[in-house]
PDB file of N, CA and C in Angstrom:
ATOM      1  N   MET A   1      65.705 167.324 102.934  1.00  0.00           N
ATOM      2  CA  MET A   1      65.051 168.978 103.161  1.00  0.00           C
ATOM      3  C   MET A   1      65.368 169.359 104.191  1.00  0.00           C
ATOM      4  N   ILE A   2      66.189 170.335 104.460  1.00  0.00           N
ATOM      5  CA  ILE A   2      66.205 171.234 105.188  1.00  0.00           C
ATOM      6  C   ILE A   2      65.256 171.337 106.057  1.00  0.00           C
ATOM      7  N   LYS A   3      64.624 171.338 107.566  1.00  0.00           N
ATOM      8  CA  LYS A   3      63.803 172.472 108.227  1.00  0.00           C
ATOM      9  C   LYS A   3      63.909 173.386 108.562  1.00  0.00           C
ATOM     10  N   ASN A   4      63.170 174.557 108.702  1.00  0.00           N
ATOM     11  CA  ASN A   4      63.657 176.060 108.757  1.00  0.00           C
ATOM     12  C   ASN A   4      63.215 176.178 109.947  1.00  0.00           C
ATOM     13  N   TYR A   5      63.445 176.344 111.349  1.00  0.00           N
ATOM     14  CA  TYR A   5      63.386 176.727 112.599  1.00  0.00           C
ATOM     15  C   TYR A   5      63.512 178.028 113.030  1.00  0.00           C
ATOM     16  N   LEU A   6      62.704 178.969 113.840  1.00  0.00           N
ATOM     17  CA  LEU A   6      63.076 180.033 114.532  1.00  0.00           C
ATOM     18  C   LEU A   6      63.958 179.694 115.996  1.00  0.00           C
ATOM     19  N   PRO A   7      64.125 180.466 115.933  1.00  0.00           N
ATOM     20  CA  PRO A   7      64.971 180.094 117.223  1.00  0.00           C
ATOM     21  C   PRO A   7      64.144 179.674 118.502  1.00  0.00           C
ATOM     22  N   LYS A   8      62.569 179.860 119.351  1.00  0.00           N
ATOM     23  CA  LYS A   8      62.094 179.326 120.317  1.00  0.00           C
ATOM     24  C   LYS A   8      61.638 178.225 120.046  1.00  0.00           C
ATOM     25  N   LYS A   9      61.136 177.922 118.445  1.00  0.00           N
ATOM     26  CA  LYS A   9      61.121 176.169 118.595  1.00  0.00           C
ATOM     27  C   LYS A   9      62.453 175.662 118.389  1.00  0.00           C
ATOM     28  N   ALA A  10      63.629 175.829 117.829  1.00  0.00           N
ATOM     29  CA  ALA A  10      64.601 175.313 117.855  1.00  0.00           C
ATOM     30  C   ALA A  10      65.435 174.693 119.087  1.00  0.00           C
ATOM     31  N   GLY A  11      64.898 176.050 119.701  1.00  0.00           N
ATOM     32  CA  GLY A  11      65.213 176.331 121.512  1.00  0.00           C
ATOM     33  C   GLY A  11      64.431 174.831 122.098  1.00  0.00           C
ATOM     34  N   GLU A  12      62.830 174.714 122.224  1.00  0.00           N
ATOM     35  CA  GLU A  12      62.415 173.961 122.087  1.00  0.00           C
ATOM     36  C   GLU A  12      62.563 172.138 121.784  1.00  0.00           C
ATOM     37  N   LEU A  13      63.445 171.935 121.132  1.00  0.00           N
ATOM     38  CA  LEU A  13      63.725 170.930 120.734  1.00  0.00           C
ATOM     39  C   LEU A  13      65.460 170.441 121.129  1.00  0.00           C
ATOM     40  N   VAL A  14      66.078 171.286 121.409  1.00  0.00           N
ATOM     41  CA  VAL A  14      67.391 170.848 121.725  1.00  0.00           C
ATOM     42  C   VAL A  14      67.137 170.535 123.860  1.00  0.00           C
ATOM     43  N   LEU A  15      65.944 171.110 123.785  1.00  0.00           N
ATOM     44  CA  LEU A  15      65.642 170.396 125.453  1.00  0.00           C
ATOM     45  C   LEU A  15      65.485 169.167 125.531  1.00  0.00           C
ATOM     46  N   LYS A  16      64.887 168.582 123.684  1.00  0.00           N
ATOM     47  CA  LYS A  16      64.041 167.299 123.700  1.00  0.00           C
ATOM     48  C   LYS A  16      65.000 166.126 123.665  1.00  0.00           C
ATOM     49  N   GLY A  17      66.712 167.122 123.176  1.00  0.00           N
ATOM     50  CA  GLY A  17      67.631 166.054 122.705  1.00  0.00           C
ATOM     51  C   GLY A  17      68.420 166.370 121.269  1.00  0.00           C
ATOM     52  N   ALA A  18      68.116 167.681 120.596  1.00  0.00           N
ATOM     53  CA  ALA A  18      68.150 167.750 119.743  1.00  0.00           C
ATOM     54  C   ALA A  18      69.754 168.141 119.725  1.00  0.00           C
ATOM     55  N   ILE A  19      70.652 167.835 118.646  1.00  0.00           N
ATOM     56  CA  ILE A  19      72.197 168.516 118.597  1.00  0.00           C
ATOM     57  C   ILE A  19      71.777 170.083 117.935  1.00  0.00           C
ATOM     58  N   LEU A  20      72.581 170.724 118.953  1.00  0.00           N
ATOM     59  CA  LEU A  20      72.809 172.119 118.238  1.00  0.00           C
ATOM     60  C   LEU A  20      74.061 172.216 117.494  1.00  0.00           C
ATOM     61  N   VAL A  21      74.580 172.854 116.433  1.00  0.00           N
ATOM     62  CA  VAL A  21      75.753 173.183 116.112  1.00  0.00           C
ATOM     63  C   VAL A  21      75.903 174.646 115.688  1.00  0.00           C
ATOM     64  N   ASP A  22      76.834 174.777 116.017  1.00  0.00           N
ATOM     65  CA  ASP A  22      76.649 176.093 115.746  1.00  0.00           C
ATOM     66  C   ASP A  22      78.235 176.141 114.719  1.00  0.00           C
ATOM     67  N   VAL A  23      77.729 176.447 113.213  1.00  0.00           N
ATOM     68  CA  VAL A  23      78.916 176.643 112.424  1.00  0.00           C
ATOM     69  C   VAL A  23      79.131 178.085 112.041  1.00  0.00           C
ATOM     70  N   ARG A  24      79.410 179.189 112.625  1.00  0.00           N
ATOM     71  CA  ARG A  24      79.897 180.229 112.571  1.00  0.00           C
ATOM     72  C   ARG A  24      81.394 180.082 112.474  1.00  0.00           C
ATOM     73  N   CYS A  25      82.405 180.643 112.363  1.00  0.00           N
ATOM     74  CA  CYS A  25      83.886 180.330 112.772  1.00  0.00           C
ATOM     75  C   CYS A  25      83.961 180.553 114.358  1.00  0.00           C
ATOM     76  N   GLU A  26      84.985 180.887 114.728  1.00  0.00           N
ATOM     77  CA  GLU A  26      85.900 180.958 115.940  1.00  0.00           C
ATOM     78  C   GLU A  26      85.509 182.097 116.729  1.00  0.00           C
ATOM     79  N   ALA A  27      86.164 183.345 115.758  1.00  0.00           N
ATOM     80  CA  ALA A  27      86.300 184.392 116.750  1.00  0.00           C
ATOM     81  C   ALA A  27      84.649 184.956 116.345  1.00  0.00           C
ATOM     82  N   GLU A  28      83.821 184.636 115.734  1.00  0.00           N
ATOM     83  CA  GLU A  28      82.724 184.933 115.887  1.00  0.00           C
ATOM     84  C   GLU A  28      81.238 184.249 117.510  1.00  0.00           C
ATOM     85  N   ASN A  29      82.057 183.098 117.382  1.00  0.00           N
ATOM     86  CA  ASN A  29      81.290 182.251 118.890  1.00  0.00           C
ATOM     87  C   ASN A  29      82.552 183.321 119.858  1.00  0.00           C
ATOM     88  N   LYS A  30      83.534 183.423 120.236  1.00  0.00           N
ATOM     89  CA  LYS A  30      84.191 184.143 120.728  1.00  0.00           C
ATOM     90  C   LYS A  30      84.152 185.144 121.287  1.00  0.00           C
ATOM     91  N   PHE A  31      84.047 185.865 120.708  1.00  0.00           N
ATOM     92  CA  PHE A  31      83.933 187.774 120.552  1.00  0.00           C
ATOM     93  C   PHE A  31      82.515 188.312 120.475  1.00  0.00           C
ATOM     94  N   VAL A  32      81.148 187.451 120.011  1.00  0.00           N
ATOM     95  CA  VAL A  32      80.071 187.511 119.823  1.00  0.00           C
ATOM     96  C   VAL A  32      79.020 187.325 120.660  1.00  0.00           C
ATOM     97  N   GLY A  33      79.581 185.799 120.998  1.00  0.00           N
ATOM     98  CA  GLY A  33      78.704 184.987 121.888  1.00  0.00           C
ATOM     99  C   GLY A  33      78.440 184.072 121.285  1.00  0.00           C
ATOM    100  N   ARG A  34      77.785 182.768 121.710  1.00  0.00           N
ATOM    101  CA  ARG A  34      77.357 181.811 121.671  1.00  0.00           C
ATOM    102  C   ARG A  34      76.780 181.234 122.491  1.00  0.00           C
ATOM    103  N   VAL A  35      75.714 180.596 121.847  1.00  0.00           N
ATOM    104  CA  VAL A  35      74.399 179.638 122.162  1.00  0.00           C
ATOM    105  C   VAL A  35      75.055 178.260 123.519  1.00  0.00           C
ATOM    106  N   SER A  36      74.078 178.448 124.618  1.00  0.00           N
ATOM    107  CA  SER A  36      74.511 177.612 125.596  1.00  0.00           C
ATOM    108  C   SER A  36      74.352 176.387 125.395  1.00  0.00           C
ATOM    109  N   ASN A  37      75.767 175.312 125.691  1.00  0.00           N
ATOM    110  CA  ASN A  37      75.921 173.806 125.424  1.00  0.00           C
ATOM    111  C   ASN A  37      75.809 173.811 123.798  1.00  0.00           C
ATOM    112  N   SER A  38      76.221 174.419 123.351  1.00  0.00           N
ATOM    113  CA  SER A  38      76.641 174.214 121.717  1.00  0.00           C
ATOM    114  C   SER A  38      77.612 173.781 121.141  1.00  0.00           C
ATOM    115  N   THR A  39      77.485 173.429 120.265  1.00  0.00           N
ATOM    116  CA  THR A  39      78.848 172.585 119.858  1.00  0.00           C
ATOM    117  C   THR A  39      78.971 173.111 118.944  1.00  0.00           C
ATOM    118  N   LEU A  40      80.608 173.464 118.203  1.00  0.00           N
ATOM    119  CA  LEU A  40      81.512 174.224 117.687  1.00  0.00           C
ATOM    120  C   LEU A  40      81.895 173.845 116.063  1.00  0.00           C
ATOM    121  N   ILE A  41      81.667 173.784 115.236  1.00  0.00           N
ATOM    122  CA  ILE A  41      81.626 173.559 114.137  1.00  0.00           C
ATOM    123  C   ILE A  41      81.818 174.208 112.830  1.00  0.00           C
ATOM    124  N   PRO A  42      82.980 174.840 112.514  1.00  0.00           N
ATOM    125  CA  PRO A  42      82.908 175.744 111.739  1.00  0.00           C
ATOM    126  C   PRO A  42      82.613 176.058 110.471  1.00  0.00           C
ATOM    127  N   TRP A  43      81.971 176.485 109.553  1.00  0.00           N
ATOM    128  CA  TRP A  43      81.587 175.792 108.311  1.00  0.00           C
ATOM    129  C   TRP A  43      82.779 176.431 107.451  1.00  0.00           C
ATOM    130  N   LEU A  44      83.128 177.415 108.016  1.00  0.00           N
ATOM    131  CA  LEU A  44      85.087 178.230 107.243  1.00  0.00           C
ATOM    132  C   LEU A  44      85.458 178.672 108.474  1.00  0.00           C
ATOM    133  N   ASP A  45      86.421 179.193 108.357  1.00  0.00           N
ATOM    134  CA  ASP A  45      86.935 179.695 109.315  1.00  0.00           C
ATOM    135  C   ASP A  45      88.038 180.490 108.843  1.00  0.00           C
ATOM    136  N   GLU A  46      88.991 181.209 109.879  1.00  0.00           N
ATOM    137  CA  GLU A  46      90.614 181.312 109.781  1.00  0.00           C
ATOM    138  C   GLU A  46      91.201 180.284 109.613  1.00  0.00           C
ATOM    139  N   PRO A  47      92.918 180.668 109.160  1.00  0.00           N
ATOM    140  CA  PRO A  47      92.872 181.098 108.363  1.00  0.00           C
ATOM    141  C   PRO A  47      92.925 180.919 106.719  1.00  0.00           C
ATOM    142  N   GLU A  48      92.365 180.081 106.068  1.00  0.00           N
ATOM    143  CA  GLU A  48      91.693 180.084 104.463  1.00  0.00           C
ATOM    144  C   GLU A  48      90.596 180.728 104.293  1.00  0.00           C
ATOM    145  N   TRP A  49      88.990 180.798 105.211  1.00  0.00           N
ATOM    146  CA  TRP A  49      88.730 181.086 104.575  1.00  0.00           C
ATOM    147  C   TRP A  49      87.439 180.368 103.759  1.00  0.00           C
ATOM    148  N   GLU A  50      87.686 179.059 103.577  1.00  0.00           N
ATOM    149  CA  GLU A  50      87.441 178.280 102.482  1.00  0.00           C
ATOM    150  C   GLU A  50      86.656 177.167 103.154  1.00  0.00           C
ATOM    151  N   VAL A  51      85.305 177.137 102.675  1.00  0.00           N
ATOM    152  CA  VAL A  51      84.753 175.597 102.875  1.00  0.00           C
ATOM    153  C   VAL A  51      85.927 174.604 102.269  1.00  0.00           C
ATOM    154  N   ASN A  52      85.693 174.145 103.452  1.00  0.00           N
ATOM    155  CA  ASN A  52      86.894 172.546 103.841  1.00  0.00           C
ATOM    156  C   ASN A  52      85.553 170.929 103.784  1.00  0.00           C
ATOM    157  N   GLU A  53      84.507 170.789 102.824  1.00  0.00           N
ATOM    158  CA  GLU A  53      83.831 169.858 103.172  1.00  0.00           C
ATOM    159  C   GLU A  53      84.133 168.252 104.029  1.00  0.00           C
ATOM    160  N   GLY A  54      85.571 168.162 103.817  1.00  0.00           N
ATOM    161  CA  GLY A  54      85.519 166.683 104.193  1.00  0.00           C
ATOM    162  C   GLY A  54      86.061 167.254 105.572  1.00  0.00           C
ATOM    163  N   GLU A  55      86.902 168.340 106.049  1.00  0.00           N
ATOM    164  CA  GLU A  55      86.987 168.542 107.238  1.00  0.00           C
ATOM    165  C   GLU A  55      85.899 168.638 108.231  1.00  0.00           C
ATOM    166  N   PHE A  56      84.853 169.596 107.976  1.00  0.00           N
ATOM    167  CA  PHE A  56      83.141 169.762 108.285  1.00  0.00           C
ATOM    168  C   PHE A  56      82.990 168.357 109.061  1.00  0.00           C
ATOM    169  N   ILE A  57      83.331 167.743 107.612  1.00  0.00           N
ATOM    170  CA  ILE A  57      82.553 165.952 107.992  1.00  0.00           C
ATOM    171  C   ILE A  57      83.106 165.199 108.921  1.00  0.00           C
ATOM    172  N   LYS A  58      84.566 165.493 108.771  1.00  0.00           N
ATOM    173  CA  LYS A  58      84.897 165.124 109.824  1.00  0.00           C
ATOM    174  C   LYS A  58      84.686 165.033 111.324  1.00  0.00           C
ATOM    175  N   ALA A  59      84.315 166.377 111.458  1.00  0.00           N
ATOM    176  CA  ALA A  59      84.375 167.120 112.353  1.00  0.00           C
ATOM    177  C   ALA A  59      83.046 166.482 113.449  1.00  0.00           C
ATOM    178  N   PHE A  60      81.943 165.970 112.569  1.00  0.00           N
ATOM    179  CA  PHE A  60      80.840 165.958 113.261  1.00  0.00           C
ATOM    180  C   PHE A  60      81.491 163.877 113.945  1.00  0.00           C
ATOM    181  N   SER A  61      82.370 163.096 113.032  1.00  0.00           N
ATOM    182  CA  SER A  61      82.875 161.751 113.735  1.00  0.00           C
ATOM    183  C   SER A  61      83.437 162.382 114.936  1.00  0.00           C
ATOM    184  N   ARG A  62      84.120 163.763 114.700  1.00  0.00           N
ATOM    185  CA  ARG A  62      84.973 163.493 116.111  1.00  0.00           C
ATOM    186  C   ARG A  62      83.981 163.477 117.664  1.00  0.00           C
ATOM    187  N   PHE A  63      82.968 163.961 117.032  1.00  0.00           N
ATOM    188  CA  PHE A  63      81.649 164.294 117.931  1.00  0.00           C
ATOM    189  C   PHE A  63      80.659 163.774 118.488  1.00  0.00           C
ATOM    190  N   ASN A  64      81.354 162.638 117.810  1.00  0.00           N
ATOM    191  CA  ASN A  64      80.377 161.490 117.909  1.00  0.00           C
ATOM    192  C   ASN A  64      79.245 161.858 117.297  1.00  0.00           C
ATOM    193  N   ILE A  65      78.541 162.604 116.544  1.00  0.00           N
ATOM    194  CA  ILE A  65      77.991 162.913 116.208  1.00  0.00           C
ATOM    195  C   ILE A  65      76.900 161.654 115.116  1.00  0.00           C
ATOM    196  N   ASP A  66      75.738 161.462 115.501  1.00  0.00           N
ATOM    197  CA  ASP A  66      74.925 160.490 114.625  1.00  0.00           C
ATOM    198  C   ASP A  66      75.043 160.443 113.546  1.00  0.00           C
ATOM    199  N   LYS A  67      74.989 160.044 112.418  1.00  0.00           N
ATOM    200  CA  LYS A  67      74.522 160.644 111.362  1.00  0.00           C
ATOM    201  C   LYS A  67      72.682 161.076 111.316  1.00  0.00           C
ATOM    202  N   ASN A  68      72.082 160.129 112.178  1.00  0.00           N
ATOM    203  CA  ASN A  68      70.694 160.016 112.058  1.00  0.00           C
ATOM    204  C   ASN A  68      69.969 160.890 113.554  1.00  0.00           C
ATOM    205  N   ALA A  69      70.725 161.389 114.211  1.00  0.00           N
ATOM    206  CA  ALA A  69      70.765 162.227 115.001  1.00  0.00           C
ATOM    207  C   ALA A  69      70.142 163.457 114.482  1.00  0.00           C
ATOM    208  N   GLU A  70      68.850 164.072 115.166  1.00  0.00           N
ATOM    209  CA  GLU A  70      68.151 165.700 115.332  1.00  0.00           C
ATOM    210  C   GLU A  70      69.520 166.765 115.437  1.00  0.00           C
ATOM    211  N   ILE A  71      69.904 167.023 114.273  1.00  0.00           N
ATOM    212  CA  ILE A  71      71.001 168.324 113.812  1.00  0.00           C
ATOM    213  C   ILE A  71      70.064 169.743 113.810  1.00  0.00           C
ATOM    214  N   ILE A  72      70.215 170.297 114.209  1.00  0.00           N
ATOM    215  CA  ILE A  72      70.115 171.851 113.730  1.00  0.00           C
ATOM    216  C   ILE A  72      71.349 173.421 114.504  1.00  0.00           C
ATOM    217  N   LEU A  73      71.089 173.537 112.648  1.00  0.00           N
ATOM    218  CA  LEU A  73      72.262 174.129 113.122  1.00  0.00           C
ATOM    219  C   LEU A  73      72.362 175.828 112.841  1.00  0.00           C
ATOM    220  N   ILE A  74      73.561 176.173 113.054  1.00  0.00           N
ATOM    221  CA  ILE A  74      72.934 177.966 113.899  1.00  0.00           C
ATOM    222  C   ILE A  74      74.324 178.449 113.237  1.00  0.00           C
ATOM    223  N   CYS A  75      74.491 179.610 112.912  1.00  0.00           N
ATOM    224  CA  CYS A  75      74.921 180.586 111.763  1.00  0.00           C
ATOM    225  C   CYS A  75      75.004 182.317 112.111  1.00  0.00           C
ATOM    226  N   ARG A  76      75.756 182.893 112.012  1.00  0.00           N
ATOM    227  CA  ARG A  76      74.913 184.732 112.089  1.00  0.00           C
ATOM    228  C   ARG A  76      73.915 185.133 111.835  1.00  0.00           C
ATOM    229  N   SER A  77      73.366 184.543 110.320  1.00  0.00           N
ATOM    230  CA  SER A  77      72.151 184.893 110.065  1.00  0.00           C
ATOM    231  C   SER A  77      71.117 183.700 109.420  1.00  0.00           C
ATOM    232  N   GLY A  78      71.586 182.944 109.343  1.00  0.00           N
ATOM    233  CA  GLY A  78      71.047 181.455 108.061  1.00  0.00           C
ATOM    234  C   GLY A  78      71.468 181.335 107.242  1.00  0.00           C
ATOM    235  N   PHE A  79      72.574 182.356 106.677  1.00  0.00           N
ATOM    236  CA  PHE A  79      72.656 181.674 105.652  1.00  0.00           C
ATOM    237  C   PHE A  79      73.607 180.752 105.514  1.00  0.00           C
ATOM    238  N   ARG A  80      74.811 180.688 106.331  1.00  0.00           N
ATOM    239  CA  ARG A  80      76.062 179.325 106.284  1.00  0.00           C
ATOM    240  C   ARG A  80      75.718 178.021 106.936  1.00  0.00           C
ATOM    241  N   SER A  81      74.415 178.324 107.715  1.00  0.00           N
ATOM    242  CA  SER A  81      73.896 177.258 108.576  1.00  0.00           C
ATOM    243  C   SER A  81      72.831 176.198 106.976  1.00  0.00           C
ATOM    244  N   ASN A  82      72.357 176.781 106.016  1.00  0.00           N
ATOM    245  CA  ASN A  82      71.802 176.472 104.559  1.00  0.00           C
ATOM    246  C   ASN A  82      72.473 175.572 104.369  1.00  0.00           C
ATOM    247  N   ASP A  83      73.815 176.244 104.036  1.00  0.00           N
ATOM    248  CA  ASP A  83      74.560 176.068 103.102  1.00  0.00           C
ATOM    249  C   ASP A  83      75.357 174.564 103.758  1.00  0.00           C
ATOM    250  N   ALA A  84      75.391 174.717 105.340  1.00  0.00           N
ATOM    251  CA  ALA A  84      76.032 173.676 105.254  1.00  0.00           C
ATOM    252  C   ALA A  84      75.396 172.263 105.853  1.00  0.00           C
ATOM    253  N   GLY A  85      73.653 172.459 106.231  1.00  0.00           N
ATOM    254  CA  GLY A  85      72.975 171.995 106.368  1.00  0.00           C
ATOM    255  C   GLY A  85      73.176 171.211 104.796  1.00  0.00           C
ATOM    256  N   LYS A  86      72.622 171.692 103.455  1.00  0.00           N
ATOM    257  CA  LYS A  86      73.300 171.212 102.336  1.00  0.00           C
ATOM    258  C   LYS A  86      74.141 170.184 102.107  1.00  0.00           C
ATOM    259  N   CYS A  87      75.060 170.442 102.792  1.00  0.00           N
ATOM    260  CA  CYS A  87      76.656 169.894 102.545  1.00  0.00           C
ATOM    261  C   CYS A  87      76.470 168.678 103.626  1.00  0.00           C
ATOM    262  N   LEU A  88      75.783 168.929 105.041  1.00  0.00           N
ATOM    263  CA  LEU A  88      75.186 166.815 105.715  1.00  0.00           C
ATOM    264  C   LEU A  88      74.237 166.519 104.791  1.00  0.00           C
ATOM    265  N   LEU A  89      73.103 166.416 104.277  1.00  0.00           N
ATOM    266  CA  LEU A  89      72.505 166.175 103.569  1.00  0.00           C
ATOM    267  C   LEU A  89      73.032 164.771 102.281  1.00  0.00           C
ATOM    268  N   ASN A  90      73.957 165.648 101.601  1.00  0.00           N
ATOM    269  CA  ASN A  90      74.910 165.391 100.782  1.00  0.00           C
ATOM    270  C   ASN A  90      75.513 164.050 101.018  1.00  0.00           C
ATOM    271  N   HIS A  91      75.790 164.163 102.495  1.00  0.00           N
ATOM    272  CA  HIS A  91      76.946 162.968 102.979  1.00  0.00           C
ATOM    273  C   HIS A  91      75.737 162.613 103.641  1.00  0.00           C
ATOM    274  N   GLY A  92      74.821 162.209 103.881  1.00  0.00           N
ATOM    275  CA  GLY A  92      74.260 161.081 104.868  1.00  0.00           C
ATOM    276  C   GLY A  92      73.370 161.036 105.230  1.00  0.00           C
ATOM    277  N   PHE A  93      73.398 162.273 106.278  1.00  0.00           N
ATOM    278  CA  PHE A  93      72.398 163.439 107.493  1.00  0.00           C
ATOM    279  C   PHE A  93      71.227 162.762 107.340  1.00  0.00           C
ATOM    280  N   THR A  94      70.248 162.895 108.029  1.00  0.00           N
ATOM    281  CA  THR A  94      69.154 162.598 107.945  1.00  0.00           C
ATOM    282  C   THR A  94      68.135 163.526 108.366  1.00  0.00           C
ATOM    283  N   ASN A  95      68.546 163.771 109.431  1.00  0.00           N
ATOM    284  CA  ASN A  95      67.680 164.967 110.097  1.00  0.00           C
ATOM    285  C   ASN A  95      68.177 166.103 110.340  1.00  0.00           C
ATOM    286  N   ILE A  96      68.127 167.017 108.767  1.00  0.00           N
ATOM    287  CA  ILE A  96      68.727 168.205 109.516  1.00  0.00           C
ATOM    288  C   ILE A  96      68.093 169.732 109.586  1.00  0.00           C
ATOM    289  N   SER A  97      68.095 170.395 110.468  1.00  0.00           N
ATOM    290  CA  SER A  97      67.644 171.457 110.085  1.00  0.00           C
ATOM    291  C   SER A  97      68.736 172.397 110.506  1.00  0.00           C
ATOM    292  N   HIS A  98      67.742 174.048 110.412  1.00  0.00           N
ATOM    293  CA  HIS A  98      68.669 175.579 110.751  1.00  0.00           C
ATOM    294  C   HIS A  98      67.552 176.213 111.129  1.00  0.00           C
ATOM    295  N   ILE A  99      68.253 177.562 111.818  1.00  0.00           N
ATOM    296  CA  ILE A  99      67.924 178.597 112.808  1.00  0.00           C
ATOM    297  C   ILE A  99      67.840 179.896 111.948  1.00  0.00           C
ATOM    298  N   VAL A 100      66.829 179.330 110.975  1.00  0.00           N
ATOM    299  CA  VAL A 100      66.407 181.096 109.405  1.00  0.00           C
ATOM    300  C   VAL A 100      66.849 182.559 109.850  1.00  0.00           C
ATOM    301  N   SER A 101      67.095 182.571 110.919  1.00  0.00           N
ATOM    302  CA  SER A 101      67.221 183.103 111.895  1.00  0.00           C
ATOM    303  C   SER A 101      68.369 183.955 112.343  1.00  0.00           C
ATOM    304  N   GLY A 102      68.970 183.161 112.593  1.00  0.00           N
ATOM    305  CA  GLY A 102      70.221 182.911 112.635  1.00  0.00           C
ATOM    306  C   GLY A 102      70.668 183.291 114.356  1.00  0.00           C
ATOM    307  N   PHE A 103      71.825 183.760 114.925  1.00  0.00           N
ATOM    308  CA  PHE A 103      72.034 184.223 116.118  1.00  0.00           C
ATOM    309  C   PHE A 103      72.015 185.390 116.330  1.00  0.00           C
ATOM    310  N   GLU A 104      72.849 186.412 115.418  1.00  0.00           N
ATOM    311  CA  GLU A 104      72.295 187.808 115.182  1.00  0.00           C
ATOM    312  C   GLU A 104      70.952 188.779 114.570  1.00  0.00           C
ATOM    313  N   GLY A 105      70.353 187.573 113.424  1.00  0.00           N
ATOM    314  CA  GLY A 105      69.569 187.318 112.951  1.00  0.00           C
ATOM    315  C   GLY A 105      69.856 188.304 111.642  1.00  0.00           C
ATOM    316  N   ASP A 106      68.377 188.974 110.957  1.00  0.00           N
ATOM    317  CA  ASP A 106      68.393 189.795 110.088  1.00  0.00           C
ATOM    318  C   ASP A 106      68.788 191.383 110.005  1.00  0.00           C
ATOM    319  N   LEU A 107      69.485 192.082 108.891  1.00  0.00           N
ATOM    320  CA  LEU A 107      69.964 193.597 109.192  1.00  0.00           C
ATOM    321  C   LEU A 107      68.727 194.510 109.082  1.00  0.00           C
ATOM    322  N   ASP A 108      68.896 195.409 109.993  1.00  0.00           N
ATOM    323  CA  ASP A 108      67.614 196.046 109.726  1.00  0.00           C
ATOM    324  C   ASP A 108      68.478 198.122 109.047  1.00  0.00           C
ATOM    325  N   GLU A 109      68.095 198.894 109.107  1.00  0.00           N
ATOM    326  CA  GLU A 109      67.530 199.553 107.890  1.00  0.00           C
ATOM    327  C   GLU A 109      68.864 200.661 108.368  1.00  0.00           C
ATOM    328  N   ASN A 110      69.436 200.020 109.187  1.00  0.00           N
ATOM    329  CA  ASN A 110      70.696 200.854 110.013  1.00  0.00           C
ATOM    330  C   ASN A 110      71.922 199.788 109.250  1.00  0.00           C
ATOM    331  N   ASN A 111      71.688 199.058 108.760  1.00  0.00           N
ATOM    332  CA  ASN A 111      72.790 197.910 108.367  1.00  0.00           C
ATOM    333  C   ASN A 111      72.924 197.499 109.597  1.00  0.00           C
ATOM    334  N   GLN A 112      72.355 196.677 110.640  1.00  0.00           N
ATOM    335  CA  GLN A 112      72.945 196.148 112.176  1.00  0.00           C
ATOM    336  C   GLN A 112      71.567 194.736 112.709  1.00  0.00           C
ATOM    337  N   ARG A 113      72.483 194.553 113.273  1.00  0.00           N
ATOM    338  CA  ARG A 113      72.050 193.492 113.353  1.00  0.00           C
ATOM    339  C   ARG A 113      71.214 192.866 114.363  1.00  0.00           C
ATOM    340  N   GLY A 114      70.607 192.421 115.462  1.00  0.00           N
ATOM    341  CA  GLY A 114      70.321 192.305 116.477  1.00  0.00           C
ATOM    342  C   GLY A 114      69.247 193.297 116.712  1.00  0.00           C
ATOM    343  N   ASN A 115      68.447 193.427 115.658  1.00  0.00           N
ATOM    344  CA  ASN A 115      67.667 194.626 116.606  1.00  0.00           C
ATOM    345  C   ASN A 115      65.779 194.224 116.192  1.00  0.00           C
ATOM    346  N   ILE A 116      66.215 192.957 114.824  1.00  0.00           N
ATOM    347  CA  ILE A 116      65.188 192.445 114.530  1.00  0.00           C
ATOM    348  C   ILE A 116      64.543 191.224 114.752  1.00  0.00           C
ATOM    349  N   ASN A 117      65.432 190.193 114.525  1.00  0.00           N
ATOM    350  CA  ASN A 117      65.614 188.709 115.050  1.00  0.00           C
ATOM    351  C   ASN A 117      66.613 187.829 115.365  1.00  0.00           C
ATOM    352  N   GLY A 118      66.600 186.885 115.449  1.00  0.00           N
ATOM    353  CA  GLY A 118      67.801 185.780 115.777  1.00  0.00           C
ATOM    354  C   GLY A 118      67.570 185.366 117.278  1.00  0.00           C
ATOM    355  N   TRP A 119      68.602 184.825 117.548  1.00  0.00           N
ATOM    356  CA  TRP A 119      68.381 184.057 118.599  1.00  0.00           C
ATOM    357  C   TRP A 119      69.008 184.972 119.778  1.00  0.00           C
ATOM    358  N   ARG A 120      69.683 185.648 120.264  1.00  0.00           N
ATOM    359  CA  ARG A 120      69.665 186.776 120.797  1.00  0.00           C
ATOM    360  C   ARG A 120      68.923 187.779 121.018  1.00  0.00           C
ATOM    361  N   HIS A 121      68.295 188.031 120.235  1.00  0.00           N
ATOM    362  CA  HIS A 121      67.160 188.798 120.116  1.00  0.00           C
ATOM    363  C   HIS A 121      66.371 188.445 120.736  1.00  0.00           C
ATOM    364  N   ASP A 122      65.325 187.559 120.081  1.00  0.00           N
ATOM    365  CA  ASP A 122      64.633 186.231 120.841  1.00  0.00           C
ATOM    366  C   ASP A 122      64.760 185.941 122.055  1.00  0.00           C
ATOM    367  N   GLY A 123      65.442 186.098 123.060  1.00  0.00           N
ATOM    368  CA  GLY A 123      65.550 186.081 124.262  1.00  0.00           C
ATOM    369  C   GLY A 123      66.062 184.757 124.864  1.00  0.00           C
ATOM    370  N   MET A 124      66.570 183.911 123.717  1.00  0.00           N
ATOM    371  CA  MET A 124      67.337 182.420 123.828  1.00  0.00           C
ATOM    372  C   MET A 124      68.336 182.856 125.004  1.00  0.00           C
ATOM    373  N   PRO A 125      69.294 181.359 125.962  1.00  0.00           N
ATOM    374  CA  PRO A 125      69.711 181.698 126.062  1.00  0.00           C
ATOM    375  C   PRO A 125      71.288 181.323 125.261  1.00  0.00           C
ATOM    376  N   TRP A 126      72.076 182.756 126.336  1.00  0.00           N
ATOM    377  CA  TRP A 126      73.262 182.297 125.143  1.00  0.00           C
ATOM    378  C   TRP A 126      75.125 182.654 126.411  1.00  0.00           C
ATOM    379  N   VAL A 127      76.047 182.278 125.981  1.00  0.00           N
ATOM    380  CA  VAL A 127      76.534 182.981 127.013  1.00  0.00           C
ATOM    381  C   VAL A 127      77.905 184.339 126.307  1.00  0.00           C
ATOM    382  N   GLN A 128      78.434 185.058 127.308  1.00  0.00           N
ATOM    383  CA  GLN A 128      80.108 185.807 125.938  1.00  0.00           C
ATOM    384  C   GLN A 128      81.318 185.117 126.886  1.00  0.00           C
ATOM    385  N   CYS A 129      81.818 184.661 125.602  1.00  0.00           N
ATOM    386  CA  CYS A 129      83.143 183.861 126.440  1.00  0.00           C
ATOM    387  C   CYS A 129      84.145 184.848 126.743  1.00  0.00           C
TER     388      CYS A 129
END
């Protein structure tokens, strides 16, 4: 089962040793910003824009992330991180959660993100590359 966290709770867990993995694409990471000290492992990325579960799982090995480690996933709005979490559970990872509001949060009445919730909206640490 994937646990659901809001940004502040996830931030507390990261300070206690949880591993924060950003599953957004490289362009989002570069141009929108990223969570300080997160590990980028895109769920999908250019040029194919298709999920490659095998490559996604292999990346966790390259970063020496143990299958029993506490892993918190983040994406833009919580949808990709949930899908990536299901994939990790299906491949034997045991302690998976995600940030339900993501990095940028939900869309507001003007179809813009960042005004309702999300990592940045909640004042959590992030950097612009």
